All heavy atoms as atom14 arrays in JSON, in Angstrom:
{
  "sequence": "PYADAILMTWWLGSEAGNSVADILTGKYNPSGKLPVTFPKQVGQC",
  "atom14_mask": [
    [1, 1, 1, 1, 1, 1, 1, 0, 0, 0, 0, 0, 0, 0],
    [1, 1, 1, 1, 1, 1, 1, 1, 1, 1, 1, 1, 0, 0],
    [1, 1, 1, 1, 1, 0, 0, 0, 0, 0, 0, 0, 0, 0],
    [1, 1, 1, 1, 1, 1, 1, 1, 0, 0, 0, 0, 0, 0],
    [1, 1, 1, 1, 1, 0, 0, 0, 0, 0, 0, 0, 0, 0],
    [1, 1, 1, 1, 1, 1, 1, 1, 0, 0, 0, 0, 0, 0],
    [1, 1, 1, 1, 1, 1, 1, 1, 0, 0, 0, 0, 0, 0],
    [1, 1, 1, 1, 1, 1, 1, 1, 0, 0, 0, 0, 0, 0],
    [1, 1, 1, 1, 1, 1, 1, 0, 0, 0, 0, 0, 0, 0],
    [1, 1, 1, 1, 1, 1, 1, 1, 1, 1, 1, 1, 1, 1],
    [1, 1, 1, 1, 1, 1, 1, 1, 1, 1, 1, 1, 1, 1],
    [1, 1, 1, 1, 1, 1, 1, 1, 0, 0, 0, 0, 0, 0],
    [1, 1, 1, 1, 0, 0, 0, 0, 0, 0, 0, 0, 0, 0],
    [1, 1, 1, 1, 1, 1, 0, 0, 0, 0, 0, 0, 0, 0],
    [1, 1, 1, 1, 1, 1, 1, 1, 1, 0, 0, 0, 0, 0],
    [1, 1, 1, 1, 1, 0, 0, 0, 0, 0, 0, 0, 0, 0],
    [1, 1, 1, 1, 0, 0, 0, 0, 0, 0, 0, 0, 0, 0],
    [1, 1, 1, 1, 1, 1, 1, 1, 0, 0, 0, 0, 0, 0],
    [1, 1, 1, 1, 1, 1, 0, 0, 0, 0, 0, 0, 0, 0],
    [1, 1, 1, 1, 1, 1, 1, 0, 0, 0, 0, 0, 0, 0],
    [1, 1, 1, 1, 1, 0, 0, 0, 0, 0, 0, 0, 0, 0],
    [1, 1, 1, 1, 1, 1, 1, 1, 0, 0, 0, 0, 0, 0],
    [1, 1, 1, 1, 1, 1, 1, 1, 0, 0, 0, 0, 0, 0],
    [1, 1, 1, 1, 1, 1, 1, 1, 0, 0, 0, 0, 0, 0],
    [1, 1, 1, 1, 1, 1, 1, 0, 0, 0, 0, 0, 0, 0],
    [1, 1, 1, 1, 0, 0, 0, 0, 0, 0, 0, 0, 0, 0],
    [1, 1, 1, 1, 1, 1, 1, 1, 1, 0, 0, 0, 0, 0],
    [1, 1, 1, 1, 1, 1, 1, 1, 1, 1, 1, 1, 0, 0],
    [1, 1, 1, 1, 1, 1, 1, 1, 0, 0, 0, 0, 0, 0],
    [1, 1, 1, 1, 1, 1, 1, 0, 0, 0, 0, 0, 0, 0],
    [1, 1, 1, 1, 1, 1, 0, 0, 0, 0, 0, 0, 0, 0],
    [1, 1, 1, 1, 0, 0, 0, 0, 0, 0, 0, 0, 0, 0],
    [1, 1, 1, 1, 1, 1, 1, 1, 1, 0, 0, 0, 0, 0],
    [1, 1, 1, 1, 1, 1, 1, 1, 0, 0, 0, 0, 0, 0],
    [1, 1, 1, 1, 1, 1, 1, 0, 0, 0, 0, 0, 0, 0],
    [1, 1, 1, 1, 1, 1, 1, 0, 0, 0, 0, 0, 0, 0],
    [1, 1, 1, 1, 1, 1, 1, 0, 0, 0, 0, 0, 0, 0],
    [1, 1, 1, 1, 1, 1, 1, 1, 1, 1, 1, 0, 0, 0],
    [1, 1, 1, 1, 1, 1, 1, 0, 0, 0, 0, 0, 0, 0],
    [1, 1, 1, 1, 1, 1, 1, 1, 1, 0, 0, 0, 0, 0],
    [1, 1, 1, 1, 1, 1, 1, 1, 1, 0, 0, 0, 0, 0],
    [1, 1, 1, 1, 1, 1, 1, 0, 0, 0, 0, 0, 0, 0],
    [1, 1, 1, 1, 0, 0, 0, 0, 0, 0, 0, 0, 0, 0],
    [1, 1, 1, 1, 1, 1, 1, 1, 1, 0, 0, 0, 0, 0],
    [1, 1, 1, 1, 1, 1, 0, 0, 0, 0, 0, 0, 0, 0]
  ],
  "atom14_positions": [
    [[3.26, 21.85, 25.07], [4.66, 21.93, 24.65], [5.54, 20.85, 25.28], [6.64, 20.57, 24.76], [5.09, 23.33, 25.12], [3.82, 24.09, 25.3], [2.83, 23.08, 25.75], [0.0, 0.0, 0.0], [0.0, 0.0, 0.0], [0.0, 0.0, 0.0], [0.0, 0.0, 0.0], [0.0, 0.0, 0.0], [0.0, 0.0, 0.0], [0.0, 0.0, 0.0]],
    [[5.12, 20.27, 26.38], [5.96, 19.33, 27.11], [5.66, 17.87, 26.77], [6.33, 16.97, 27.28], [5.79, 19.56, 28.62], [6.11, 20.98, 29.01], [5.09, 21.91, 29.16], [7.43, 21.4, 29.17], [5.38, 23.23, 29.49], [7.72, 22.72, 29.5], [6.69, 23.62, 29.65], [6.98, 24.93, 29.97], [0.0, 0.0, 0.0], [0.0, 0.0, 0.0]],
    [[4.66, 17.64, 25.96], [4.33, 16.28, 25.53], [4.89, 16.06, 24.13], [4.66, 16.87, 23.22], [2.83, 16.06, 25.54], [0.0, 0.0, 0.0], [0.0, 0.0, 0.0], [0.0, 0.0, 0.0], [0.0, 0.0, 0.0], [0.0, 0.0, 0.0], [0.0, 0.0, 0.0], [0.0, 0.0, 0.0], [0.0, 0.0, 0.0], [0.0, 0.0, 0.0]],
    [[5.62, 14.95, 23.94], [6.17, 14.63, 22.63], [5.13, 14.0, 21.72], [5.25, 14.07, 20.49], [7.36, 13.68, 22.79], [8.49, 14.33, 23.56], [9.2, 15.16, 22.98], [8.63, 14.03, 24.77], [0.0, 0.0, 0.0], [0.0, 0.0, 0.0], [0.0, 0.0, 0.0], [0.0, 0.0, 0.0], [0.0, 0.0, 0.0], [0.0, 0.0, 0.0]],
    [[4.13, 13.37, 22.31], [3.01, 12.81, 21.56], [1.75, 12.98, 22.38], [1.78, 12.88, 23.61], [3.24, 11.34, 21.23], [0.0, 0.0, 0.0], [0.0, 0.0, 0.0], [0.0, 0.0, 0.0], [0.0, 0.0, 0.0], [0.0, 0.0, 0.0], [0.0, 0.0, 0.0], [0.0, 0.0, 0.0], [0.0, 0.0, 0.0], [0.0, 0.0, 0.0]],
    [[0.65, 13.28, 21.7], [-0.64, 13.46, 22.37], [-1.69, 12.66, 21.6], [-1.79, 12.78, 20.37], [-1.05, 14.94, 22.43], [0.0, 15.76, 23.18], [-2.42, 15.09, 23.08], [-0.28, 17.26, 23.17], [0.0, 0.0, 0.0], [0.0, 0.0, 0.0], [0.0, 0.0, 0.0], [0.0, 0.0, 0.0], [0.0, 0.0, 0.0], [0.0, 0.0, 0.0]],
    [[-2.46, 11.87, 22.32], [-3.54, 11.1, 21.71], [-4.83, 11.38, 22.44], [-4.88, 11.35, 23.68], [-3.27, 9.59, 21.76], [-2.01, 9.11, 21.05], [-0.92, 8.81, 22.08], [-2.3, 7.85, 20.24], [0.0, 0.0, 0.0], [0.0, 0.0, 0.0], [0.0, 0.0, 0.0], [0.0, 0.0, 0.0], [0.0, 0.0, 0.0], [0.0, 0.0, 0.0]],
    [[-5.9, 11.7, 21.68], [-7.23, 11.83, 22.25], [-7.86, 10.46, 22.25], [-8.15, 9.89, 21.2], [-8.08, 12.81, 21.43], [-9.44, 13.11, 22.04], [-9.29, 14.02, 23.6], [-10.89, 13.7, 24.35], [0.0, 0.0, 0.0], [0.0, 0.0, 0.0], [0.0, 0.0, 0.0], [0.0, 0.0, 0.0], [0.0, 0.0, 0.0], [0.0, 0.0, 0.0]],
    [[-8.05, 9.9, 23.46], [-8.55, 8.53, 23.55], [-10.0, 8.44, 24.01], [-10.53, 7.33, 24.12], [-7.68, 7.7, 24.52], [-7.87, 8.18, 25.86], [-6.21, 7.78, 24.15], [0.0, 0.0, 0.0], [0.0, 0.0, 0.0], [0.0, 0.0, 0.0], [0.0, 0.0, 0.0], [0.0, 0.0, 0.0], [0.0, 0.0, 0.0], [0.0, 0.0, 0.0]],
    [[-10.67, 9.58, 24.28], [-12.07, 9.57, 24.7], [-12.25, 8.59, 25.85], [-11.4, 8.46, 26.72], [-12.98, 9.21, 23.52], [-12.62, 9.85, 22.22], [-11.94, 9.29, 21.18], [-12.89, 11.2, 21.81], [-11.76, 10.18, 20.14], [-12.34, 11.36, 20.49], [-13.55, 12.27, 22.39], [-12.42, 12.55, 19.79], [-13.63, 13.45, 21.68], [-13.08, 13.58, 20.4]],
    [[-13.38, 7.87, 25.87], [-13.58, 6.68, 26.71], [-13.93, 5.57, 25.75], [-14.92, 5.64, 25.02], [-14.69, 6.9, 27.73], [-14.32, 7.93, 28.76], [-13.24, 7.92, 29.57], [-15.05, 9.12, 29.07], [-13.22, 9.04, 30.36], [-14.33, 9.79, 30.08], [-16.22, 9.68, 28.59], [-14.75, 11.0, 30.63], [-16.65, 10.87, 29.13], [-15.92, 11.52, 30.15]],
    [[-13.15, 4.53, 25.76], [-13.19, 3.55, 24.68], [-13.96, 2.28, 25.0], [-14.1, 1.41, 24.14], [-11.76, 3.19, 24.26], [-10.94, 4.36, 23.69], [-9.52, 3.91, 23.38], [-11.6, 4.94, 22.45], [0.0, 0.0, 0.0], [0.0, 0.0, 0.0], [0.0, 0.0, 0.0], [0.0, 0.0, 0.0], [0.0, 0.0, 0.0], [0.0, 0.0, 0.0]],
    [[-14.44, 2.12, 26.24], [-15.3, 0.98, 26.53], [-14.57, -0.24, 27.05], [-13.48, -0.17, 27.63], [0.0, 0.0, 0.0], [0.0, 0.0, 0.0], [0.0, 0.0, 0.0], [0.0, 0.0, 0.0], [0.0, 0.0, 0.0], [0.0, 0.0, 0.0], [0.0, 0.0, 0.0], [0.0, 0.0, 0.0], [0.0, 0.0, 0.0], [0.0, 0.0, 0.0]],
    [[-15.17, -1.4, 26.81], [-14.72, -2.65, 27.42], [-13.29, -3.01, 27.06], [-12.56, -3.6, 27.85], [-15.66, -3.8, 26.98], [-16.99, -3.54, 27.35], [0.0, 0.0, 0.0], [0.0, 0.0, 0.0], [0.0, 0.0, 0.0], [0.0, 0.0, 0.0], [0.0, 0.0, 0.0], [0.0, 0.0, 0.0], [0.0, 0.0, 0.0], [0.0, 0.0, 0.0]],
    [[-12.88, -2.7, 25.86], [-11.54, -3.08, 25.38], [-10.59, -1.87, 25.34], [-9.61, -1.87, 24.58], [-11.64, -3.71, 24.0], [-12.23, -5.1, 24.0], [-11.23, -6.14, 24.5], [-10.06, -6.06, 24.15], [-11.66, -7.05, 25.24], [0.0, 0.0, 0.0], [0.0, 0.0, 0.0], [0.0, 0.0, 0.0], [0.0, 0.0, 0.0], [0.0, 0.0, 0.0]],
    [[-10.85, -0.88, 26.17], [-10.1, 0.38, 26.11], [-8.59, 0.16, 26.13], [-7.85, 0.7, 25.3], [-10.52, 1.29, 27.25], [0.0, 0.0, 0.0], [0.0, 0.0, 0.0], [0.0, 0.0, 0.0], [0.0, 0.0, 0.0], [0.0, 0.0, 0.0], [0.0, 0.0, 0.0], [0.0, 0.0, 0.0], [0.0, 0.0, 0.0], [0.0, 0.0, 0.0]],
    [[-8.1, -0.62, 27.09], [-6.66, -0.8, 27.24], [-6.01, -1.46, 26.05], [-4.91, -1.07, 25.63], [0.0, 0.0, 0.0], [0.0, 0.0, 0.0], [0.0, 0.0, 0.0], [0.0, 0.0, 0.0], [0.0, 0.0, 0.0], [0.0, 0.0, 0.0], [0.0, 0.0, 0.0], [0.0, 0.0, 0.0], [0.0, 0.0, 0.0], [0.0, 0.0, 0.0]],
    [[-6.68, -2.45, 25.49], [-6.13, -3.11, 24.3], [-6.12, -2.18, 23.1], [-5.19, -2.2, 22.29], [-6.92, -4.38, 23.99], [-6.63, -5.51, 24.94], [-5.53, -5.6, 25.51], [-7.6, -6.39, 25.16], [0.0, 0.0, 0.0], [0.0, 0.0, 0.0], [0.0, 0.0, 0.0], [0.0, 0.0, 0.0], [0.0, 0.0, 0.0], [0.0, 0.0, 0.0]],
    [[-7.17, -1.36, 22.97], [-7.23, -0.41, 21.85], [-6.09, 0.59, 21.95], [-5.42, 0.89, 20.95], [-8.57, 0.32, 21.85], [-9.65, -0.57, 21.69], [0.0, 0.0, 0.0], [0.0, 0.0, 0.0], [0.0, 0.0, 0.0], [0.0, 0.0, 0.0], [0.0, 0.0, 0.0], [0.0, 0.0, 0.0], [0.0, 0.0, 0.0], [0.0, 0.0, 0.0]],
    [[-5.86, 1.14, 23.13], [-4.77, 2.1, 23.33], [-3.43, 1.45, 23.05], [-2.56, 2.02, 22.38], [-4.82, 2.69, 24.75], [-3.57, 3.54, 25.02], [-6.07, 3.53, 24.95], [0.0, 0.0, 0.0], [0.0, 0.0, 0.0], [0.0, 0.0, 0.0], [0.0, 0.0, 0.0], [0.0, 0.0, 0.0], [0.0, 0.0, 0.0], [0.0, 0.0, 0.0]],
    [[-3.25, 0.23, 23.55], [-1.98, -0.48, 23.35], [-1.73, -0.75, 21.87], [-0.59, -0.66, 21.39], [-1.98, -1.78, 24.14], [0.0, 0.0, 0.0], [0.0, 0.0, 0.0], [0.0, 0.0, 0.0], [0.0, 0.0, 0.0], [0.0, 0.0, 0.0], [0.0, 0.0, 0.0], [0.0, 0.0, 0.0], [0.0, 0.0, 0.0], [0.0, 0.0, 0.0]],
    [[-2.8, -1.08, 21.13], [-2.63, -1.34, 19.69], [-2.14, -0.1, 18.96], [-1.36, -0.2, 18.0], [-3.95, -1.83, 19.09], [-4.3, -3.26, 19.5], [-3.41, -3.96, 20.01], [-5.47, -3.66, 19.31], [0.0, 0.0, 0.0], [0.0, 0.0, 0.0], [0.0, 0.0, 0.0], [0.0, 0.0, 0.0], [0.0, 0.0, 0.0], [0.0, 0.0, 0.0]],
    [[-2.59, 1.06, 19.4], [-2.14, 2.31, 18.79], [-0.69, 2.61, 19.2], [0.16, 2.94, 18.36], [-3.05, 3.48, 19.18], [-4.43, 3.32, 18.53], [-2.43, 4.81, 18.79], [-4.48, 3.54, 17.05], [0.0, 0.0, 0.0], [0.0, 0.0, 0.0], [0.0, 0.0, 0.0], [0.0, 0.0, 0.0], [0.0, 0.0, 0.0], [0.0, 0.0, 0.0]],
    [[-0.4, 2.51, 20.49], [0.93, 2.87, 20.98], [2.02, 2.0, 20.37], [3.13, 2.47, 20.1], [0.97, 2.77, 22.51], [0.13, 3.79, 23.29], [0.18, 3.48, 24.79], [0.6, 5.2, 23.03], [0.0, 0.0, 0.0], [0.0, 0.0, 0.0], [0.0, 0.0, 0.0], [0.0, 0.0, 0.0], [0.0, 0.0, 0.0], [0.0, 0.0, 0.0]],
    [[1.71, 0.74, 20.16], [2.72, -0.18, 19.64], [2.76, -0.23, 18.12], [3.64, -0.86, 17.55], [2.46, -1.6, 20.17], [1.16, -2.03, 19.73], [2.53, -1.64, 21.69], [0.0, 0.0, 0.0], [0.0, 0.0, 0.0], [0.0, 0.0, 0.0], [0.0, 0.0, 0.0], [0.0, 0.0, 0.0], [0.0, 0.0, 0.0], [0.0, 0.0, 0.0]],
    [[1.8, 0.41, 17.47], [1.77, 0.41, 16.02], [1.06, -0.79, 15.42], [1.06, -0.96, 14.19], [0.0, 0.0, 0.0], [0.0, 0.0, 0.0], [0.0, 0.0, 0.0], [0.0, 0.0, 0.0], [0.0, 0.0, 0.0], [0.0, 0.0, 0.0], [0.0, 0.0, 0.0], [0.0, 0.0, 0.0], [0.0, 0.0, 0.0], [0.0, 0.0, 0.0]],
    [[0.46, -1.62, 16.25], [-0.33, -2.72, 15.71], [-1.46, -2.17, 14.85], [-1.84, -2.78, 13.84], [-0.88, -3.59, 16.84], [-1.67, -4.8, 16.35], [-2.13, -5.66, 17.52], [-2.91, -6.88, 17.01], [-3.36, -7.75, 18.13], [0.0, 0.0, 0.0], [0.0, 0.0, 0.0], [0.0, 0.0, 0.0], [0.0, 0.0, 0.0], [0.0, 0.0, 0.0]],
    [[-1.99, -1.03, 15.26], [-2.97, -0.3, 14.45], [-2.44, 1.11, 14.25], [-2.14, 1.82, 15.21], [-4.35, -0.27, 15.11], [-5.41, 0.31, 14.19], [-6.16, -0.51, 13.38], [-5.62, 1.69, 14.11], [-7.12, 0.02, 12.51], [-6.56, 2.23, 13.26], [-7.3, 1.38, 12.46], [-8.23, 1.91, 11.58], [0.0, 0.0, 0.0], [0.0, 0.0, 0.0]],
    [[-2.31, 1.52, 13.0], [-1.85, 2.86, 12.67], [-2.99, 3.83, 12.88], [-4.06, 3.67, 12.27], [-1.37, 2.9, 11.21], [-0.67, 4.19, 10.84], [-0.7, 5.17, 11.58], [-0.07, 4.2, 9.67], [0.0, 0.0, 0.0], [0.0, 0.0, 0.0], [0.0, 0.0, 0.0], [0.0, 0.0, 0.0], [0.0, 0.0, 0.0], [0.0, 0.0, 0.0]],
    [[-2.84, 4.85, 13.75], [-3.98, 5.74, 14.04], [-4.58, 6.35, 12.79], [-3.86, 6.82, 11.9], [-3.37, 6.8, 14.97], [-1.9, 6.67, 14.82], [-1.64, 5.25, 14.46], [0.0, 0.0, 0.0], [0.0, 0.0, 0.0], [0.0, 0.0, 0.0], [0.0, 0.0, 0.0], [0.0, 0.0, 0.0], [0.0, 0.0, 0.0], [0.0, 0.0, 0.0]],
    [[-5.91, 6.33, 12.73], [-6.64, 6.86, 11.57], [-7.78, 7.78, 11.97], [-8.51, 8.27, 11.11], [-7.19, 5.71, 10.72], [-8.07, 4.89, 11.48], [0.0, 0.0, 0.0], [0.0, 0.0, 0.0], [0.0, 0.0, 0.0], [0.0, 0.0, 0.0], [0.0, 0.0, 0.0], [0.0, 0.0, 0.0], [0.0, 0.0, 0.0], [0.0, 0.0, 0.0]],
    [[-7.96, 8.01, 13.27], [-9.07, 8.83, 13.74], [-8.91, 10.3, 13.37], [-7.79, 10.81, 13.21], [0.0, 0.0, 0.0], [0.0, 0.0, 0.0], [0.0, 0.0, 0.0], [0.0, 0.0, 0.0], [0.0, 0.0, 0.0], [0.0, 0.0, 0.0], [0.0, 0.0, 0.0], [0.0, 0.0, 0.0], [0.0, 0.0, 0.0], [0.0, 0.0, 0.0]],
    [[-10.04, 10.98, 13.22], [-10.09, 12.4, 12.91], [-11.07, 13.07, 13.88], [-12.05, 12.46, 14.32], [-10.58, 12.64, 11.48], [-9.76, 11.96, 10.4], [-8.44, 12.66, 10.14], [-7.7, 12.02, 8.98], [-6.41, 12.71, 8.7], [0.0, 0.0, 0.0], [0.0, 0.0, 0.0], [0.0, 0.0, 0.0], [0.0, 0.0, 0.0], [0.0, 0.0, 0.0]],
    [[-10.82, 14.31, 14.2], [-11.68, 15.02, 15.15], [-13.03, 15.36, 14.52], [-13.07, 16.08, 13.51], [-11.01, 16.3, 15.63], [-9.76, 16.14, 16.5], [-9.21, 17.52, 16.86], [-10.06, 15.33, 17.75], [0.0, 0.0, 0.0], [0.0, 0.0, 0.0], [0.0, 0.0, 0.0], [0.0, 0.0, 0.0], [0.0, 0.0, 0.0], [0.0, 0.0, 0.0]],
    [[-14.15, 14.9, 15.11], [-15.48, 15.3, 14.61], [-15.96, 16.61, 15.22], [-17.07, 17.04, 14.98], [-16.36, 14.13, 15.06], [-15.73, 13.66, 16.32], [-14.24, 13.89, 16.18], [0.0, 0.0, 0.0], [0.0, 0.0, 0.0], [0.0, 0.0, 0.0], [0.0, 0.0, 0.0], [0.0, 0.0, 0.0], [0.0, 0.0, 0.0], [0.0, 0.0, 0.0]],
    [[-15.1, 17.21, 16.05], [-15.4, 18.49, 16.7], [-14.12, 19.33, 16.72], [-13.01, 18.79, 16.72], [-15.9, 18.3, 18.15], [-17.35, 17.89, 18.19], [-15.04, 17.27, 18.89], [0.0, 0.0, 0.0], [0.0, 0.0, 0.0], [0.0, 0.0, 0.0], [0.0, 0.0, 0.0], [0.0, 0.0, 0.0], [0.0, 0.0, 0.0], [0.0, 0.0, 0.0]],
    [[-14.3, 20.63, 16.77], [-13.18, 21.56, 16.87], [-12.75, 21.67, 18.33], [-13.59, 21.79, 19.22], [-13.6, 22.94, 16.35], [-14.0, 22.82, 14.98], [-12.45, 23.93, 16.44], [0.0, 0.0, 0.0], [0.0, 0.0, 0.0], [0.0, 0.0, 0.0], [0.0, 0.0, 0.0], [0.0, 0.0, 0.0], [0.0, 0.0, 0.0], [0.0, 0.0, 0.0]],
    [[-11.45, 21.65, 18.58], [-10.91, 21.83, 19.93], [-10.46, 23.28, 20.08], [-9.57, 23.74, 19.36], [-9.72, 20.9, 20.17], [-10.09, 19.52, 20.63], [-11.1, 18.8, 19.99], [-9.43, 18.92, 21.69], [-11.45, 17.53, 20.4], [-9.76, 17.64, 22.1], [-10.77, 16.95, 21.47], [0.0, 0.0, 0.0], [0.0, 0.0, 0.0], [0.0, 0.0, 0.0]],
    [[-11.05, 24.03, 21.0], [-10.67, 25.44, 21.17], [-9.34, 25.59, 21.9], [-8.89, 24.69, 22.61], [-11.82, 26.0, 22.01], [-12.3, 24.83, 22.81], [-12.14, 23.63, 21.91], [0.0, 0.0, 0.0], [0.0, 0.0, 0.0], [0.0, 0.0, 0.0], [0.0, 0.0, 0.0], [0.0, 0.0, 0.0], [0.0, 0.0, 0.0], [0.0, 0.0, 0.0]],
    [[-8.72, 26.76, 21.73], [-7.53, 27.1, 22.52], [-7.93, 27.61, 23.89], [-7.25, 27.37, 24.89], [-6.71, 28.17, 21.8], [-5.82, 27.66, 20.68], [-5.0, 28.81, 20.1], [-4.04, 28.3, 19.02], [-2.96, 27.47, 19.59], [0.0, 0.0, 0.0], [0.0, 0.0, 0.0], [0.0, 0.0, 0.0], [0.0, 0.0, 0.0], [0.0, 0.0, 0.0]],
    [[-9.03, 28.37, 23.93], [-9.53, 28.94, 25.17], [-11.04, 28.76, 25.23], [-11.71, 28.77, 24.18], [-9.2, 30.44, 25.25], [-7.72, 30.77, 25.18], [-6.96, 30.36, 26.41], [-7.55, 30.09, 27.46], [-5.63, 30.32, 26.33], [0.0, 0.0, 0.0], [0.0, 0.0, 0.0], [0.0, 0.0, 0.0], [0.0, 0.0, 0.0], [0.0, 0.0, 0.0]],
    [[-11.58, 28.62, 26.44], [-13.01, 28.4, 26.56], [-13.8, 29.6, 26.06], [-14.95, 29.47, 25.61], [-13.38, 28.07, 28.03], [-13.23, 29.28, 28.93], [-14.79, 27.5, 28.12], [0.0, 0.0, 0.0], [0.0, 0.0, 0.0], [0.0, 0.0, 0.0], [0.0, 0.0, 0.0], [0.0, 0.0, 0.0], [0.0, 0.0, 0.0], [0.0, 0.0, 0.0]],
    [[-13.2, 30.79, 26.07], [-13.87, 31.98, 25.58], [-14.16, 31.95, 24.09], [-14.92, 32.79, 23.6], [0.0, 0.0, 0.0], [0.0, 0.0, 0.0], [0.0, 0.0, 0.0], [0.0, 0.0, 0.0], [0.0, 0.0, 0.0], [0.0, 0.0, 0.0], [0.0, 0.0, 0.0], [0.0, 0.0, 0.0], [0.0, 0.0, 0.0], [0.0, 0.0, 0.0]],
    [[-13.56, 31.0, 23.36], [-13.86, 30.86, 21.93], [-15.17, 30.11, 21.69], [-15.67, 30.1, 20.55], [-12.72, 30.12, 21.23], [-11.4, 30.86, 21.18], [-10.31, 30.01, 20.57], [-10.13, 28.85, 20.92], [-9.58, 30.58, 19.63], [0.0, 0.0, 0.0], [0.0, 0.0, 0.0], [0.0, 0.0, 0.0], [0.0, 0.0, 0.0], [0.0, 0.0, 0.0]],
    [[-15.7, 29.45, 22.71], [-16.91, 28.63, 22.54], [-18.14, 29.51, 22.38], [-18.28, 30.52, 23.08], [-17.09, 27.72, 23.75], [-15.79, 26.48, 23.93], [0.0, 0.0, 0.0], [0.0, 0.0, 0.0], [0.0, 0.0, 0.0], [0.0, 0.0, 0.0], [0.0, 0.0, 0.0], [0.0, 0.0, 0.0], [0.0, 0.0, 0.0], [0.0, 0.0, 0.0]]
  ]
}
């Protein structure tokens, strides 16, 4: 509730910082989709 924007960045490798910056600045419009479901609680797993 306290974050105005949330990005799942995983671990992006050698160019991680540039990739994140490209998203934050809009150089690349985010297009990623979750290949896994994110639970609300670990008890749902």
